[in-house]
Amino acid sequence: SVATDNTSEIIDSVLSALKDIYKKGYQYKKAGVTLSG
């Protein structure tokens, strides 16, 4: 909602997003985070 450079705020947001896309039972090989805007 407000542009940020705060590590904790960014970590909380990306981990929340990870919970939404994570699926159990898969073998993951790669992951990443990109900041834009």
ModelCIF file with pLDDT and N, C-alpha, C, O atoms, coordinates in Angstrom:
data_MODEL
#
_entry.id   MODEL 
#
_entity.id                         1 
_entity.type                       polymer 
_entity.pdbx_number_of_molecules   1 
#
_entity_poly.entity_id                      1 
_entity_poly.type                           'polypeptide(L)' 
_entity_poly.nstd_linkage                   no 
_entity_poly.nstd_monomer                   no 
_entity_poly.pdbx_seq_one_letter_code       SVATDNTSEIIDSVLSALKDIYKKGYQYKKAGVTLSG 
_entity_poly.pdbx_seq_one_letter_code_can   SVATDNTSEIIDSVLSALKDIYKKGYQYKKAGVTLSG 
_entity_poly.pdbx_strand_id                 A 
#
loop_
_entity_poly_seq.entity_id 
_entity_poly_seq.num 
_entity_poly_seq.mon_id 
_entity_poly_seq.hetero 
1 1  SER n 
1 2  VAL n 
1 3  ALA n 
1 4  THR n 
1 5  ASP n 
1 6  ASN n 
1 7  THR n 
1 8  SER n 
1 9  GLU n 
1 10 ILE n 
1 11 ILE n 
1 12 ASP n 
1 13 SER n 
1 14 VAL n 
1 15 LEU n 
1 16 SER n 
1 17 ALA n 
1 18 LEU n 
1 19 LYS n 
1 20 ASP n 
1 21 ILE n 
1 22 TYR n 
1 23 LYS n 
1 24 LYS n 
1 25 GLY n 
1 26 TYR n 
1 27 GLN n 
1 28 TYR n 
1 29 LYS n 
1 30 LYS n 
1 31 ALA n 
1 32 GLY n 
1 33 VAL n 
1 34 THR n 
1 35 LEU n 
1 36 SER n 
1 37 GLY n 
#
_struct_asym.id          A 
_struct_asym.entity_id   1 
#
loop_
_ma_qa_metric.id 
_ma_qa_metric.mode 
_ma_qa_metric.name 
_ma_qa_metric.software_group_id 
_ma_qa_metric.type 
1 global pLDDT . pLDDT 
2 local  pLDDT . pLDDT 
#
_ma_qa_metric_global.metric_id      1 
_ma_qa_metric_global.metric_value   91.89 
_ma_qa_metric_global.model_id       1 
_ma_qa_metric_global.ordinal_id     1 
#
loop_
_ma_qa_metric_local.label_asym_id 
_ma_qa_metric_local.label_comp_id 
_ma_qa_metric_local.label_seq_id 
_ma_qa_metric_local.metric_id 
_ma_qa_metric_local.metric_value 
_ma_qa_metric_local.model_id 
_ma_qa_metric_local.ordinal_id 
A SER 1  2 88.00 1 1  
A VAL 2  2 89.00 1 2  
A ALA 3  2 90.00 1 3  
A THR 4  2 91.00 1 4  
A ASP 5  2 90.00 1 5  
A ASN 6  2 90.00 1 6  
A THR 7  2 91.00 1 7  
A SER 8  2 90.00 1 8  
A GLU 9  2 91.00 1 9  
A ILE 10 2 93.00 1 10 
A ILE 11 2 93.00 1 11 
A ASP 12 2 92.00 1 12 
A SER 13 2 93.00 1 13 
A VAL 14 2 93.00 1 14 
A LEU 15 2 94.00 1 15 
A SER 16 2 94.00 1 16 
A ALA 17 2 94.00 1 17 
A LEU 18 2 94.00 1 18 
A LYS 19 2 93.00 1 19 
A ASP 20 2 93.00 1 20 
A ILE 21 2 93.00 1 21 
A TYR 22 2 93.00 1 22 
A LYS 23 2 92.00 1 23 
A LYS 24 2 91.00 1 24 
A GLY 25 2 89.00 1 25 
A TYR 26 2 91.00 1 26 
A GLN 27 2 91.00 1 27 
A TYR 28 2 92.00 1 28 
A LYS 29 2 91.00 1 29 
A LYS 30 2 91.00 1 30 
A ALA 31 2 92.00 1 31 
A GLY 32 2 93.00 1 32 
A VAL 33 2 94.00 1 33 
A THR 34 2 95.00 1 34 
A LEU 35 2 94.00 1 35 
A SER 36 2 92.00 1 36 
A GLY 37 2 90.00 1 37 
#
loop_
_atom_site.group_PDB 
_atom_site.id 
_atom_site.type_symbol 
_atom_site.label_atom_id 
_atom_site.label_alt_id 
_atom_site.label_comp_id 
_atom_site.label_asym_id 
_atom_site.label_entity_id 
_atom_site.label_seq_id 
_atom_site.pdbx_PDB_ins_code 
_atom_site.Cartn_x 
_atom_site.Cartn_y 
_atom_site.Cartn_z 
_atom_site.occupancy 
_atom_site.B_iso_or_equiv 
_atom_site.pdbx_formal_charge 
_atom_site.auth_seq_id 
_atom_site.auth_comp_id 
_atom_site.auth_asym_id 
_atom_site.auth_atom_id 
_atom_site.pdbx_PDB_model_num 
ATOM 1   N N  . SER A 1 1  ? 0.835  -1.210  0.000  1.00 88.00 ? 1  SER A N  1 
ATOM 2   C CA . SER A 1 1  ? 0.000  0.000   0.000  1.00 88.00 ? 1  SER A CA 1 
ATOM 3   C C  . SER A 1 1  ? 0.867  1.256   0.000  1.00 88.00 ? 1  SER A C  1 
ATOM 4   O O  . SER A 1 1  ? 0.483  2.294   -0.539 1.00 88.00 ? 1  SER A O  1 
ATOM 5   N N  . VAL A 1 2  ? 2.045  1.140   0.617  1.00 89.00 ? 2  VAL A N  1 
ATOM 6   C CA . VAL A 1 2  ? 3.037  2.224   0.614  1.00 89.00 ? 2  VAL A CA 1 
ATOM 7   C C  . VAL A 1 2  ? 4.367  1.610   0.183  1.00 89.00 ? 2  VAL A C  1 
ATOM 8   O O  . VAL A 1 2  ? 4.779  0.582   0.720  1.00 89.00 ? 2  VAL A O  1 
ATOM 9   N N  . ALA A 1 3  ? 5.030  2.229   -0.774 1.00 90.00 ? 3  ALA A N  1 
ATOM 10  C CA . ALA A 1 3  ? 6.323  1.713   -1.233 1.00 90.00 ? 3  ALA A CA 1 
ATOM 11  C C  . ALA A 1 3  ? 7.268  1.573   -0.042 1.00 90.00 ? 3  ALA A C  1 
ATOM 12  O O  . ALA A 1 3  ? 7.347  2.464   0.804  1.00 90.00 ? 3  ALA A O  1 
ATOM 13  N N  . THR A 1 4  ? 7.983  0.447   0.019  1.00 91.00 ? 4  THR A N  1 
ATOM 14  C CA . THR A 1 4  ? 8.779  0.150   1.210  1.00 91.00 ? 4  THR A CA 1 
ATOM 15  C C  . THR A 1 4  ? 10.174 -0.363  0.866  1.00 91.00 ? 4  THR A C  1 
ATOM 16  O O  . THR A 1 4  ? 10.420 -0.874  -0.227 1.00 91.00 ? 4  THR A O  1 
ATOM 17  N N  . ASP A 1 5  ? 11.082 -0.211  1.836  1.00 90.00 ? 5  ASP A N  1 
ATOM 18  C CA . ASP A 1 5  ? 12.404 -0.827  1.748  1.00 90.00 ? 5  ASP A CA 1 
ATOM 19  C C  . ASP A 1 5  ? 12.670 -1.642  3.011  1.00 90.00 ? 5  ASP A C  1 
ATOM 20  O O  . ASP A 1 5  ? 13.802 -2.040  3.286  1.00 90.00 ? 5  ASP A O  1 
ATOM 21  N N  . ASN A 1 6  ? 11.597 -1.881  3.774  1.00 90.00 ? 6  ASN A N  1 
ATOM 22  C CA . ASN A 1 6  ? 11.708 -2.543  5.064  1.00 90.00 ? 6  ASN A CA 1 
ATOM 23  C C  . ASN A 1 6  ? 11.771 -4.065  4.899  1.00 90.00 ? 6  ASN A C  1 
ATOM 24  O O  . ASN A 1 6  ? 10.865 -4.673  4.330  1.00 90.00 ? 6  ASN A O  1 
ATOM 25  N N  . THR A 1 7  ? 12.840 -4.666  5.398  1.00 91.00 ? 7  THR A N  1 
ATOM 26  C CA . THR A 1 7  ? 13.049 -6.103  5.222  1.00 91.00 ? 7  THR A CA 1 
ATOM 27  C C  . THR A 1 7  ? 11.929 -6.926  5.840  1.00 91.00 ? 7  THR A C  1 
ATOM 28  O O  . THR A 1 7  ? 11.430 -7.858  5.210  1.00 91.00 ? 7  THR A O  1 
ATOM 29  N N  . SER A 1 8  ? 11.528 -6.599  7.055  1.00 90.00 ? 8  SER A N  1 
ATOM 30  C CA . SER A 1 8  ? 10.496 -7.393  7.735  1.00 90.00 ? 8  SER A CA 1 
ATOM 31  C C  . SER A 1 8  ? 9.169  -7.329  6.993  1.00 90.00 ? 8  SER A C  1 
ATOM 32  O O  . SER A 1 8  ? 8.465  -8.334  6.890  1.00 90.00 ? 8  SER A O  1 
ATOM 33  N N  . GLU A 1 9  ? 8.825  -6.158  6.478  1.00 91.00 ? 9  GLU A N  1 
ATOM 34  C CA . GLU A 1 9  ? 7.577  -5.992  5.735  1.00 91.00 ? 9  GLU A CA 1 
ATOM 35  C C  . GLU A 1 9  ? 7.605  -6.810  4.443  1.00 91.00 ? 9  GLU A C  1 
ATOM 36  O O  . GLU A 1 9  ? 6.616  -7.444  4.076  1.00 91.00 ? 9  GLU A O  1 
ATOM 37  N N  . ILE A 1 10 ? 8.741  -6.786  3.766  1.00 93.00 ? 10 ILE A N  1 
ATOM 38  C CA . ILE A 1 10 ? 8.883  -7.540  2.516  1.00 93.00 ? 10 ILE A CA 1 
ATOM 39  C C  . ILE A 1 10 ? 8.865  -9.043  2.798  1.00 93.00 ? 10 ILE A C  1 
ATOM 40  O O  . ILE A 1 10 ? 8.221  -9.801  2.072  1.00 93.00 ? 10 ILE A O  1 
ATOM 41  N N  . ILE A 1 11 ? 9.574  -9.481  3.856  1.00 93.00 ? 11 ILE A N  1 
ATOM 42  C CA . ILE A 1 11 ? 9.591  -10.901 4.211  1.00 93.00 ? 11 ILE A CA 1 
ATOM 43  C C  . ILE A 1 11 ? 8.183  -11.393 4.535  1.00 93.00 ? 11 ILE A C  1 
ATOM 44  O O  . ILE A 1 11 ? 7.765  -12.440 4.039  1.00 93.00 ? 11 ILE A O  1 
ATOM 45  N N  . ASP A 1 12 ? 7.446  -10.647 5.364  1.00 92.00 ? 12 ASP A N  1 
ATOM 46  C CA . ASP A 1 12 ? 6.075  -11.042 5.732  1.00 92.00 ? 12 ASP A CA 1 
ATOM 47  C C  . ASP A 1 12 ? 5.199  -11.217 4.497  1.00 92.00 ? 12 ASP A C  1 
ATOM 48  O O  . ASP A 1 12 ? 4.422  -12.168 4.405  1.00 92.00 ? 12 ASP A O  1 
ATOM 49  N N  . SER A 1 13 ? 5.330  -10.289 3.546  1.00 93.00 ? 13 SER A N  1 
ATOM 50  C CA . SER A 1 13 ? 4.484  -10.319 2.345  1.00 93.00 ? 13 SER A CA 1 
ATOM 51  C C  . SER A 1 13 ? 4.822  -11.504 1.443  1.00 93.00 ? 13 SER A C  1 
ATOM 52  O O  . SER A 1 13 ? 3.925  -12.184 0.945  1.00 93.00 ? 13 SER A O  1 
ATOM 53  N N  . VAL A 1 14 ? 6.122  -11.749 1.235  1.00 93.00 ? 14 VAL A N  1 
ATOM 54  C CA . VAL A 1 14 ? 6.507  -12.844 0.322  1.00 93.00 ? 14 VAL A CA 1 
ATOM 55  C C  . VAL A 1 14 ? 6.224  -14.209 0.944  1.00 93.00 ? 14 VAL A C  1 
ATOM 56  O O  . VAL A 1 14 ? 5.903  -15.159 0.230  1.00 93.00 ? 14 VAL A O  1 
ATOM 57  N N  . LEU A 1 15 ? 6.339  -14.315 2.273  1.00 94.00 ? 15 LEU A N  1 
ATOM 58  C CA . LEU A 1 15 ? 6.034  -15.589 2.923  1.00 94.00 ? 15 LEU A CA 1 
ATOM 59  C C  . LEU A 1 15 ? 4.533  -15.862 2.899  1.00 94.00 ? 15 LEU A C  1 
ATOM 60  O O  . LEU A 1 15 ? 4.103  -17.010 2.795  1.00 94.00 ? 15 LEU A O  1 
ATOM 61  N N  . SER A 1 16 ? 3.748  -14.805 2.996  1.00 94.00 ? 16 SER A N  1 
ATOM 62  C CA . SER A 1 16 ? 2.298  -14.949 2.871  1.00 94.00 ? 16 SER A CA 1 
ATOM 63  C C  . SER A 1 16 ? 1.935  -15.423 1.462  1.00 94.00 ? 16 SER A C  1 
ATOM 64  O O  . SER A 1 16 ? 1.058  -16.268 1.286  1.00 94.00 ? 16 SER A O  1 
ATOM 65  N N  . ALA A 1 17 ? 2.627  -14.863 0.461  1.00 94.00 ? 17 ALA A N  1 
ATOM 66  C CA . ALA A 1 17 ? 2.400  -15.278 -0.929 1.00 94.00 ? 17 ALA A CA 1 
ATOM 67  C C  . ALA A 1 17 ? 2.850  -16.717 -1.143 1.00 94.00 ? 17 ALA A C  1 
ATOM 68  O O  . ALA A 1 17 ? 2.211  -17.473 -1.875 1.00 94.00 ? 17 ALA A O  1 
ATOM 69  N N  . LEU A 1 18 ? 3.958  -17.091 -0.499 1.00 94.00 ? 18 LEU A N  1 
ATOM 70  C CA . LEU A 1 18 ? 4.453  -18.469 -0.624 1.00 94.00 ? 18 LEU A CA 1 
ATOM 71  C C  . LEU A 1 18 ? 3.443  -19.481 -0.097 1.00 94.00 ? 18 LEU A C  1 
ATOM 72  O O  . LEU A 1 18 ? 3.255  -20.546 -0.685 1.00 94.00 ? 18 LEU A O  1 
ATOM 73  N N  . LYS A 1 19 ? 2.791  -19.141 1.020  1.00 93.00 ? 19 LYS A N  1 
ATOM 74  C CA . LYS A 1 19 ? 1.763  -20.040 1.574  1.00 93.00 ? 19 LYS A CA 1 
ATOM 75  C C  . LYS A 1 19 ? 0.647  -20.292 0.577  1.00 93.00 ? 19 LYS A C  1 
ATOM 76  O O  . LYS A 1 19 ? 0.084  -21.386 0.529  1.00 93.00 ? 19 LYS A O  1 
ATOM 77  N N  . ASP A 1 20 ? 0.327  -19.281 -0.220 1.00 93.00 ? 20 ASP A N  1 
ATOM 78  C CA . ASP A 1 20 ? -0.761 -19.401 -1.196 1.00 93.00 ? 20 ASP A CA 1 
ATOM 79  C C  . ASP A 1 20 ? -0.393 -20.276 -2.388 1.00 93.00 ? 20 ASP A C  1 
ATOM 80  O O  . ASP A 1 20 ? -1.254 -20.942 -2.963 1.00 93.00 ? 20 ASP A O  1 
ATOM 81  N N  . ILE A 1 21 ? 0.894  -20.276 -2.761 1.00 93.00 ? 21 ILE A N  1 
ATOM 82  C CA . ILE A 1 21 ? 1.284  -21.004 -3.977 1.00 93.00 ? 21 ILE A CA 1 
ATOM 83  C C  . ILE A 1 21 ? 1.951  -22.348 -3.687 1.00 93.00 ? 21 ILE A C  1 
ATOM 84  O O  . ILE A 1 21 ? 2.103  -23.170 -4.590 1.00 93.00 ? 21 ILE A O  1 
ATOM 85  N N  . TYR A 1 22 ? 2.347  -22.574 -2.437 1.00 93.00 ? 22 TYR A N  1 
ATOM 86  C CA . TYR A 1 22 ? 3.033  -23.821 -2.091 1.00 93.00 ? 22 TYR A CA 1 
ATOM 87  C C  . TYR A 1 22 ? 2.083  -25.007 -2.153 1.00 93.00 ? 22 TYR A C  1 
ATOM 88  O O  . TYR A 1 22 ? 0.939  -24.928 -1.705 1.00 93.00 ? 22 TYR A O  1 
ATOM 89  N N  . LYS A 1 23 ? 2.573  -26.112 -2.717 1.00 92.00 ? 23 LYS A N  1 
ATOM 90  C CA . LYS A 1 23 ? 1.814  -27.359 -2.752 1.00 92.00 ? 23 LYS A CA 1 
ATOM 91  C C  . LYS A 1 23 ? 2.675  -28.482 -2.194 1.00 92.00 ? 23 LYS A C  1 
ATOM 92  O O  . LYS A 1 23 ? 3.827  -28.664 -2.587 1.00 92.00 ? 23 LYS A O  1 
ATOM 93  N N  . LYS A 1 24 ? 2.091  -29.222 -1.277 1.00 91.00 ? 24 LYS A N  1 
ATOM 94  C CA . LYS A 1 24 ? 2.811  -30.320 -0.649 1.00 91.00 ? 24 LYS A CA 1 
ATOM 95  C C  . LYS A 1 24 ? 2.966  -31.487 -1.629 1.00 91.00 ? 24 LYS A C  1 
ATOM 96  O O  . LYS A 1 24 ? 2.122  -31.698 -2.500 1.00 91.00 ? 24 LYS A O  1 
ATOM 97  N N  . GLY A 1 25 ? 4.050  -32.235 -1.471 1.00 89.00 ? 25 GLY A N  1 
ATOM 98  C CA . GLY A 1 25 ? 4.239  -33.427 -2.303 1.00 89.00 ? 25 GLY A CA 1 
ATOM 99  C C  . GLY A 1 25 ? 5.084  -33.204 -3.538 1.00 89.00 ? 25 GLY A C  1 
ATOM 100 O O  . GLY A 1 25 ? 5.235  -34.122 -4.344 1.00 89.00 ? 25 GLY A O  1 
ATOM 101 N N  . TYR A 1 26 ? 5.642  -32.014 -3.713 1.00 91.00 ? 26 TYR A N  1 
ATOM 102 C CA . TYR A 1 26 ? 6.495  -31.716 -4.870 1.00 91.00 ? 26 TYR A CA 1 
ATOM 103 C C  . TYR A 1 26 ? 7.938  -31.506 -4.423 1.00 91.00 ? 26 TYR A C  1 
ATOM 104 O O  . TYR A 1 26 ? 8.202  -31.054 -3.309 1.00 91.00 ? 26 TYR A O  1 
ATOM 105 N N  . GLN A 1 27 ? 8.865  -31.847 -5.318 1.00 91.00 ? 27 GLN A N  1 
ATOM 106 C CA . GLN A 1 27 ? 10.287 -31.637 -5.075 1.00 91.00 ? 27 GLN A CA 1 
ATOM 107 C C  . GLN A 1 27 ? 10.707 -30.348 -5.790 1.00 91.00 ? 27 GLN A C  1 
ATOM 108 O O  . GLN A 1 27 ? 10.830 -30.317 -7.015 1.00 91.00 ? 27 GLN A O  1 
ATOM 109 N N  . TYR A 1 28 ? 10.922 -29.294 -5.010 1.00 92.00 ? 28 TYR A N  1 
ATOM 110 C CA . TYR A 1 28 ? 11.246 -27.987 -5.604 1.00 92.00 ? 28 TYR A CA 1 
ATOM 111 C C  . TYR A 1 28 ? 12.752 -27.841 -5.824 1.00 92.00 ? 28 TYR A C  1 
ATOM 112 O O  . TYR A 1 28 ? 13.567 -28.248 -4.996 1.00 92.00 ? 28 TYR A O  1 
ATOM 113 N N  . LYS A 1 29 ? 13.087 -27.253 -6.958 1.00 91.00 ? 29 LYS A N  1 
ATOM 114 C CA . LYS A 1 29 ? 14.495 -27.101 -7.342 1.00 91.00 ? 29 LYS A CA 1 
ATOM 115 C C  . LYS A 1 29 ? 14.951 -25.643 -7.392 1.00 91.00 ? 29 LYS A C  1 
ATOM 116 O O  . LYS A 1 29 ? 16.144 -25.363 -7.278 1.00 91.00 ? 29 LYS A O  1 
ATOM 117 N N  . LYS A 1 30 ? 14.009 -24.715 -7.564 1.00 91.00 ? 30 LYS A N  1 
ATOM 118 C CA . LYS A 1 30 ? 14.398 -23.313 -7.695 1.00 91.00 ? 30 LYS A CA 1 
ATOM 119 C C  . LYS A 1 30 ? 13.318 -22.406 -7.120 1.00 91.00 ? 30 LYS A C  1 
ATOM 120 O O  . LYS A 1 30 ? 12.132 -22.732 -7.162 1.00 91.00 ? 30 LYS A O  1 
ATOM 121 N N  . ALA A 1 31 ? 13.743 -21.262 -6.581 1.00 92.00 ? 31 ALA A N  1 
ATOM 122 C CA . ALA A 1 31 ? 12.807 -20.260 -6.055 1.00 92.00 ? 31 ALA A CA 1 
ATOM 123 C C  . ALA A 1 31 ? 13.469 -18.889 -6.147 1.00 92.00 ? 31 ALA A C  1 
ATOM 124 O O  . ALA A 1 31 ? 14.686 -18.780 -6.294 1.00 92.00 ? 31 ALA A O  1 
ATOM 125 N N  . GLY A 1 32 ? 12.654 -17.855 -6.060 1.00 93.00 ? 32 GLY A N  1 
ATOM 126 C CA . GLY A 1 32 ? 13.234 -16.520 -6.148 1.00 93.00 ? 32 GLY A CA 1 
ATOM 127 C C  . GLY A 1 32 ? 12.260 -15.420 -5.779 1.00 93.00 ? 32 GLY A C  1 
ATOM 128 O O  . GLY A 1 32 ? 11.051 -15.633 -5.680 1.00 93.00 ? 32 GLY A O  1 
ATOM 129 N N  . VAL A 1 33 ? 12.827 -14.226 -5.577 1.00 94.00 ? 33 VAL A N  1 
ATOM 130 C CA . VAL A 1 33 ? 12.046 -13.027 -5.244 1.00 94.00 ? 33 VAL A CA 1 
ATOM 131 C C  . VAL A 1 33 ? 12.508 -11.896 -6.157 1.00 94.00 ? 33 VAL A C  1 
ATOM 132 O O  . VAL A 1 33 ? 13.708 -11.687 -6.336 1.00 94.00 ? 33 VAL A O  1 
ATOM 133 N N  . THR A 1 34 ? 11.554 -11.168 -6.730 1.00 95.00 ? 34 THR A N  1 
ATOM 134 C CA . THR A 1 34 ? 11.866 -10.004 -7.557 1.00 95.00 ? 34 THR A CA 1 
ATOM 135 C C  . THR A 1 34 ? 11.085 -8.804  -7.048 1.00 95.00 ? 34 THR A C  1 
ATOM 136 O O  . THR A 1 34 ? 9.878  -8.889  -6.824 1.00 95.00 ? 34 THR A O  1 
ATOM 137 N N  . LEU A 1 35 ? 11.777 -7.686  -6.864 1.00 94.00 ? 35 LEU A N  1 
ATOM 138 C CA . LEU A 1 35 ? 11.127 -6.439  -6.477 1.00 94.00 ? 35 LEU A CA 1 
ATOM 139 C C  . LEU A 1 35 ? 11.036 -5.532  -7.695 1.00 94.00 ? 35 LEU A C  1 
ATOM 140 O O  . LEU A 1 35 ? 12.010 -5.381  -8.432 1.00 94.00 ? 35 LEU A O  1 
ATOM 141 N N  . SER A 1 36 ? 9.881  -4.932  -7.910 1.00 92.00 ? 36 SER A N  1 
ATOM 142 C CA . SER A 1 36 ? 9.692  -4.035  -9.055 1.00 92.00 ? 36 SER A CA 1 
ATOM 143 C C  . SER A 1 36 ? 8.856  -2.828  -8.619 1.00 92.00 ? 36 SER A C  1 
ATOM 144 O O  . SER A 1 36 ? 8.494  -2.704  -7.449 1.00 92.00 ? 36 SER A O  1 
ATOM 145 N N  . GLY A 1 37 ? 8.555  -1.943  -9.572 1.00 90.00 ? 37 GLY A N  1 
ATOM 146 C CA . GLY A 1 37 ? 7.859  -0.712  -9.215 1.00 90.00 ? 37 GLY A CA 1 
ATOM 147 C C  . GLY A 1 37 ? 8.725  0.106   -8.276 1.00 90.00 ? 37 GLY A C  1 
ATOM 148 O O  . GLY A 1 37 ? 8.322  1.189   -7.850 1.00 90.00 ? 37 GLY A O  1 
#
